[in-house]
């Protein structure tokens, strides 16, 4: 899973697609579908009027609208600075998109179109025929997903110019980039070892501390504070709230402490 989604994440970086929604879907998708099924089974559609659900809907709308406000605020601020201080060094440039690059950029969005078509076809003509309620969540996700992926596919298929951020500082040497890649793979594999030995919750504590102190070379205060908040986040979300059944670490099993 790590290799698959790591490769997918790398492609999304290259194609300038956002990665956090992918991570949220991977971690919380099954939980959201199970609870959606339970809610509709018990309450029908009336669960949408519950106060907690309304709060979540408001937060979703805020998350969608806030980036638009940020972009408008950034443009307004840049216009004001350019008028007050004269020309400033550009932080981005516009470059032409060749037909070959345009085809590459549109492949990912077209793949998403095919995925959502498959999901909706299964929901309407596959398993949804026998179990209508099981098809509600795929339909609820699939219809807006298909619409948005079609918009993205049409936009990237007709893209002629794209905005590229101008990187500051000296370019990274290939040898340095390779060394960083090897170190990153090593830390990921080390995290697997920590999970296997200590279990997920404890491993999040040890791995975070180890990386911050020995990998990133952070000072003790920031290492301790960030490690504490990272552990509270992992424990609070996955263990205390969601009660995810992570297997115990084999080290505790060997010691008879599980």
Protein backbone atom coordinates (compact mmCIF):
# COMPACT_ATOMS: atom_id res chain seq x y z
CA UNK A 1 0.00 0.00 0.00
CA UNK A 2 2.84 2.38 0.87
CA UNK A 3 4.63 1.66 -2.42
CA UNK A 4 1.43 1.97 -4.46
CA UNK A 5 0.25 5.20 -2.89
CA UNK A 6 3.81 6.53 -2.74
CA UNK A 7 4.07 6.12 -6.52
CA UNK A 8 0.61 7.61 -6.95
CA UNK A 9 1.56 10.54 -4.70
CA UNK A 10 4.74 11.13 -6.73
CA UNK A 11 2.67 11.27 -9.94
CA UNK A 12 0.26 13.69 -8.29
CA UNK A 13 3.17 15.94 -7.26
CA UNK A 14 4.47 15.94 -10.82
CA UNK A 15 1.00 16.67 -12.20
CA UNK A 16 0.24 19.34 -9.54
CA UNK A 17 -2.66 17.50 -7.88
CA UNK A 18 -3.43 17.86 -4.17
CA UNK A 19 -2.46 14.88 -1.98
CA UNK A 20 -4.27 15.41 1.36
CA UNK A 21 -7.69 14.29 0.01
CA UNK A 22 -6.09 11.04 -1.15
CA UNK A 23 -4.70 10.38 2.33
CA UNK A 24 -8.02 11.22 4.00
CA UNK A 25 -9.88 8.91 1.65
CA UNK A 26 -7.42 6.08 2.24
CA UNK A 27 -7.56 6.35 6.04
CA UNK A 28 -11.18 7.39 6.65
CA UNK A 29 -13.04 6.12 3.56
CA UNK A 30 -14.03 2.73 4.97
CA UNK A 31 -15.00 4.25 8.33
CA UNK A 32 -17.12 6.93 6.62
CA UNK A 33 -18.90 4.35 4.45
CA UNK A 34 -19.66 2.06 7.41
CA UNK A 35 -21.10 4.88 9.52
CA UNK A 36 -23.03 6.26 6.55
CA UNK A 37 -24.62 2.84 6.05
CA UNK A 38 -25.52 2.59 9.76
CA UNK A 39 -26.94 6.14 9.86
CA UNK A 40 -29.18 5.67 6.82
CA UNK A 41 -30.27 2.26 8.08
CA UNK A 42 -31.41 3.68 11.43
CA UNK A 43 -32.49 7.26 10.63
CA UNK A 44 -33.04 7.36 6.87
CA UNK A 45 -32.25 10.84 5.55
CA UNK A 46 -33.14 12.60 8.81
CA UNK A 47 -29.58 12.18 10.15
CA UNK A 48 -28.55 15.06 7.87
CA UNK A 49 -30.45 17.44 10.18
CA UNK A 50 -28.54 16.43 13.32
CA UNK A 51 -26.47 19.27 14.84
CA UNK A 52 -23.17 17.40 14.55
CA UNK A 53 -23.75 16.69 10.87
CA UNK A 54 -24.65 20.32 10.21
CA UNK A 55 -21.42 21.42 11.89
CA UNK A 56 -19.42 19.03 9.69
CA UNK A 57 -21.17 20.33 6.56
CA UNK A 58 -20.34 23.91 7.57
CA UNK A 59 -16.70 22.93 8.11
CA UNK A 60 -16.58 21.27 4.68
CA UNK A 61 -18.01 24.38 3.02
CA UNK A 62 -15.52 26.52 4.92
CA UNK A 63 -12.66 24.28 3.76
CA UNK A 64 -13.85 24.66 0.16
CA UNK A 65 -14.35 28.42 0.27
CA UNK A 66 -11.35 29.44 2.39
CA UNK A 67 -8.72 28.67 -0.30
CA UNK A 68 -10.67 30.87 -2.71
CA UNK A 69 -10.63 33.67 -0.16
CA UNK A 70 -6.90 33.13 0.40
CA UNK A 71 -6.23 33.36 -3.34
CA UNK A 72 -8.27 36.57 -3.61
CA UNK A 73 -6.53 38.03 -0.56
CA UNK A 74 -3.10 37.12 -1.97
CA UNK A 75 -3.86 38.77 -5.32
CA UNK A 76 -5.18 41.88 -3.56
CA UNK A 77 -2.10 42.06 -1.33
CA UNK A 78 0.29 41.62 -4.26
CA UNK A 79 -1.49 44.36 -6.21
CA UNK A 80 -1.18 46.71 -3.23
CA UNK A 81 2.52 45.94 -2.74
CA UNK A 82 3.27 46.47 -6.41
CA UNK A 83 1.62 49.89 -6.29
CA UNK A 84 3.34 50.96 -3.07
CA UNK A 85 6.82 49.56 -3.60
CA UNK A 86 7.14 49.38 -7.33
CA UNK A 87 8.18 46.22 -9.21
CA UNK A 88 8.96 43.18 -7.07
CA UNK A 89 10.76 39.98 -7.91
CA UNK A 90 8.30 37.48 -9.45
CA UNK A 91 7.59 34.29 -7.52
CA UNK A 92 5.96 32.46 -10.42
CA UNK A 93 6.14 32.33 -14.17
CA UNK A 94 3.86 31.25 -17.01
CA UNK A 95 5.11 28.62 -19.41
CA UNK A 96 3.61 27.08 -22.52
CA UNK A 97 2.27 23.53 -22.34
CA UNK A 98 3.27 21.39 -25.32
CA UNK A 99 0.80 18.88 -26.83
CA UNK A 100 2.83 15.99 -25.36
CA UNK A 101 2.79 17.51 -21.88
CA UNK A 102 -0.91 18.26 -22.25
CA UNK A 103 -1.59 14.61 -23.00
CA UNK A 104 0.43 13.51 -19.97
CA UNK A 105 -1.37 15.99 -17.70
CA UNK A 106 -4.77 14.80 -18.90
CA UNK A 107 -4.03 11.08 -18.37
CA UNK A 108 -4.51 11.24 -14.61
CA UNK A 109 -7.83 13.07 -14.75
CA UNK A 110 -9.04 10.70 -17.49
CA UNK A 111 -8.11 7.75 -15.28
CA UNK A 112 -10.24 9.31 -12.52
CA UNK A 113 -13.13 9.62 -14.98
CA UNK A 114 -12.87 5.89 -15.73
CA UNK A 115 -12.69 5.04 -12.02
CA UNK A 116 -15.86 6.99 -11.18
CA UNK A 117 -17.67 5.57 -14.21
CA UNK A 118 -16.83 2.08 -12.96
CA UNK A 119 -17.99 2.93 -9.43
CA UNK A 120 -21.32 4.30 -10.65
CA UNK A 121 -21.83 1.40 -13.06
CA UNK A 122 -21.38 -1.06 -10.20
CA UNK A 123 -23.68 0.98 -7.95
CA UNK A 124 -26.49 1.21 -10.52
CA UNK A 125 -26.13 -2.10 -12.40
CA UNK A 126 -23.95 -4.33 -10.21
CA UNK A 127 -24.13 -4.84 -6.46
CA UNK A 128 -26.57 -1.91 -6.15
CA UNK A 129 -29.29 -3.93 -7.89
CA UNK A 130 -29.31 -6.51 -5.10
CA UNK A 131 -28.56 -4.16 -2.17
CA UNK A 132 -29.80 -0.66 -2.88
CA UNK A 133 -28.67 0.79 0.44
CA UNK A 134 -25.11 -0.42 -0.12
CA UNK A 135 -25.03 1.66 -3.32
CA UNK A 136 -25.94 4.96 -1.61
CA UNK A 137 -22.41 5.86 -0.51
CA UNK A 138 -20.76 5.03 -3.87
CA UNK A 139 -23.45 7.06 -5.65
CA UNK A 140 -23.08 9.99 -3.25
CA UNK A 141 -19.30 10.02 -3.83
CA UNK A 142 -19.34 8.91 -7.46
CA UNK A 143 -21.65 11.53 -8.98
CA UNK A 144 -19.78 14.66 -7.76
CA UNK A 145 -16.48 12.84 -8.27
CA UNK A 146 -17.33 12.08 -11.90
CA UNK A 147 -18.50 15.65 -12.49
CA UNK A 148 -15.33 17.16 -11.02
CA UNK A 149 -13.04 14.72 -12.83
CA UNK A 150 -14.75 15.54 -16.14
CA UNK A 151 -14.19 19.26 -15.48
CA UNK A 152 -10.54 18.58 -14.62
CA UNK A 153 -10.09 16.41 -17.72
CA UNK A 154 -11.58 19.05 -20.00
CA UNK A 155 -9.49 21.77 -18.39
CA UNK A 156 -6.22 19.87 -18.71
CA UNK A 157 -7.01 18.66 -22.22
CA UNK A 158 -7.36 22.27 -23.41
CA UNK A 159 -4.54 23.66 -21.26
CA UNK A 160 -2.13 25.84 -23.24
CA UNK A 161 -0.23 27.64 -20.45
CA UNK A 162 0.42 26.82 -16.80
CA UNK A 163 1.76 28.80 -13.85
CA UNK A 164 4.99 27.45 -12.33
CA UNK A 165 6.43 28.53 -9.00
CA UNK A 166 9.93 29.97 -9.22
CA UNK A 167 12.17 28.10 -6.81
CA UNK A 168 14.54 30.19 -4.74
CA UNK A 169 18.13 29.24 -4.01
CA UNK A 170 20.54 26.95 -5.77
CA UNK A 171 19.26 23.80 -7.53
CA UNK A 172 19.74 20.52 -5.67
CA UNK A 173 22.56 18.34 -6.95
CA UNK A 174 21.50 14.88 -8.24
CA UNK A 175 23.75 13.16 -5.70
CA UNK A 176 22.13 15.12 -2.86
CA UNK A 177 18.67 14.29 -4.20
CA UNK A 178 19.54 10.58 -4.38
CA UNK A 179 20.94 10.62 -0.84
CA UNK A 180 17.77 12.29 0.45
CA UNK A 181 15.65 9.70 -1.35
CA UNK A 182 17.61 6.82 0.19
CA UNK A 183 17.31 8.42 3.63
CA UNK A 184 13.57 8.89 3.16
CA UNK A 185 13.11 5.24 2.16
CA UNK A 186 15.21 4.22 5.16
CA UNK A 187 13.03 6.19 7.58
CA UNK A 188 9.85 4.70 6.05
CA UNK A 189 11.23 1.18 6.45
CA UNK A 190 12.33 2.07 9.98
CA UNK A 191 8.78 3.18 10.77
CA UNK A 192 7.56 -0.24 9.59
CA UNK A 193 10.00 -1.89 11.97
CA UNK A 194 8.81 0.32 14.84
CA UNK A 195 5.16 -0.58 14.07
CA UNK A 196 6.01 -4.29 13.93
CA UNK A 197 7.90 -4.20 17.21
CA UNK A 198 5.89 -1.66 19.24
CA UNK A 199 2.45 -1.35 17.61
CA UNK A 200 1.16 1.69 15.73
CA UNK A 201 0.42 4.07 18.60
CA UNK A 202 3.71 3.57 20.42
CA UNK A 203 5.60 3.51 17.11
CA UNK A 204 4.21 6.95 16.22
CA UNK A 205 5.79 8.28 19.42
CA UNK A 206 9.18 6.60 18.95
CA UNK A 207 9.43 7.18 15.19
CA UNK A 208 8.48 10.85 15.44
CA UNK A 209 11.03 11.48 18.18
CA UNK A 210 13.75 9.53 16.34
CA UNK A 211 13.23 11.36 13.07
CA UNK A 212 13.04 14.84 14.58
CA UNK A 213 16.11 14.37 16.77
CA UNK A 214 18.38 12.17 14.67
CA UNK A 215 17.03 12.64 11.15
CA UNK A 216 16.16 16.33 11.06
CA UNK A 217 18.57 17.35 13.83
CA UNK A 218 16.02 19.46 15.69
CA UNK A 219 16.72 20.87 19.15
CA UNK A 220 15.39 19.15 22.25
CA UNK A 221 12.51 21.56 23.06
CA UNK A 222 10.95 21.48 19.59
CA UNK A 223 11.55 17.71 19.35
CA UNK A 224 9.77 17.00 22.64
CA UNK A 225 6.86 19.36 21.91
CA UNK A 226 6.23 18.08 18.35
CA UNK A 227 6.59 14.45 19.45
CA UNK A 228 4.06 14.98 22.23
CA UNK A 229 1.47 16.61 19.96
CA UNK A 230 2.03 13.99 17.23
CA UNK A 231 1.44 11.19 19.71
CA UNK A 232 -1.65 12.91 21.14
CA UNK A 233 -3.00 13.28 17.60
CA UNK A 234 -2.42 9.63 16.63
CA UNK A 235 -3.67 8.27 19.95
CA UNK A 236 -6.64 10.64 20.15
CA UNK A 237 -7.85 10.08 16.58
CA UNK A 238 -7.08 6.45 15.82
CA UNK A 239 -7.13 4.79 19.24
CA UNK A 240 -9.38 6.83 21.56
CA UNK A 241 -11.98 8.14 19.06
CA UNK A 242 -12.04 5.64 16.19
CA UNK A 243 -10.96 2.53 18.18
CA UNK A 244 -9.10 1.13 15.19
CA UNK A 245 -8.00 -2.46 15.96
CA UNK A 246 -4.26 -2.10 15.43
CA UNK A 247 -2.39 -5.33 16.28
CA UNK A 248 -0.08 -5.16 19.30
CA UNK A 249 3.66 -4.95 18.80
CA UNK A 250 5.46 -8.27 18.71
CA UNK A 251 7.88 -7.02 21.37
CA UNK A 252 5.04 -6.70 23.89
CA UNK A 253 3.75 -10.12 22.82
CA UNK A 254 7.14 -11.69 23.44
CA UNK A 255 7.30 -10.04 26.87
CA UNK A 256 3.72 -11.12 27.70
CA UNK A 257 2.55 -7.49 28.04
CA UNK A 258 -0.20 -7.48 25.38
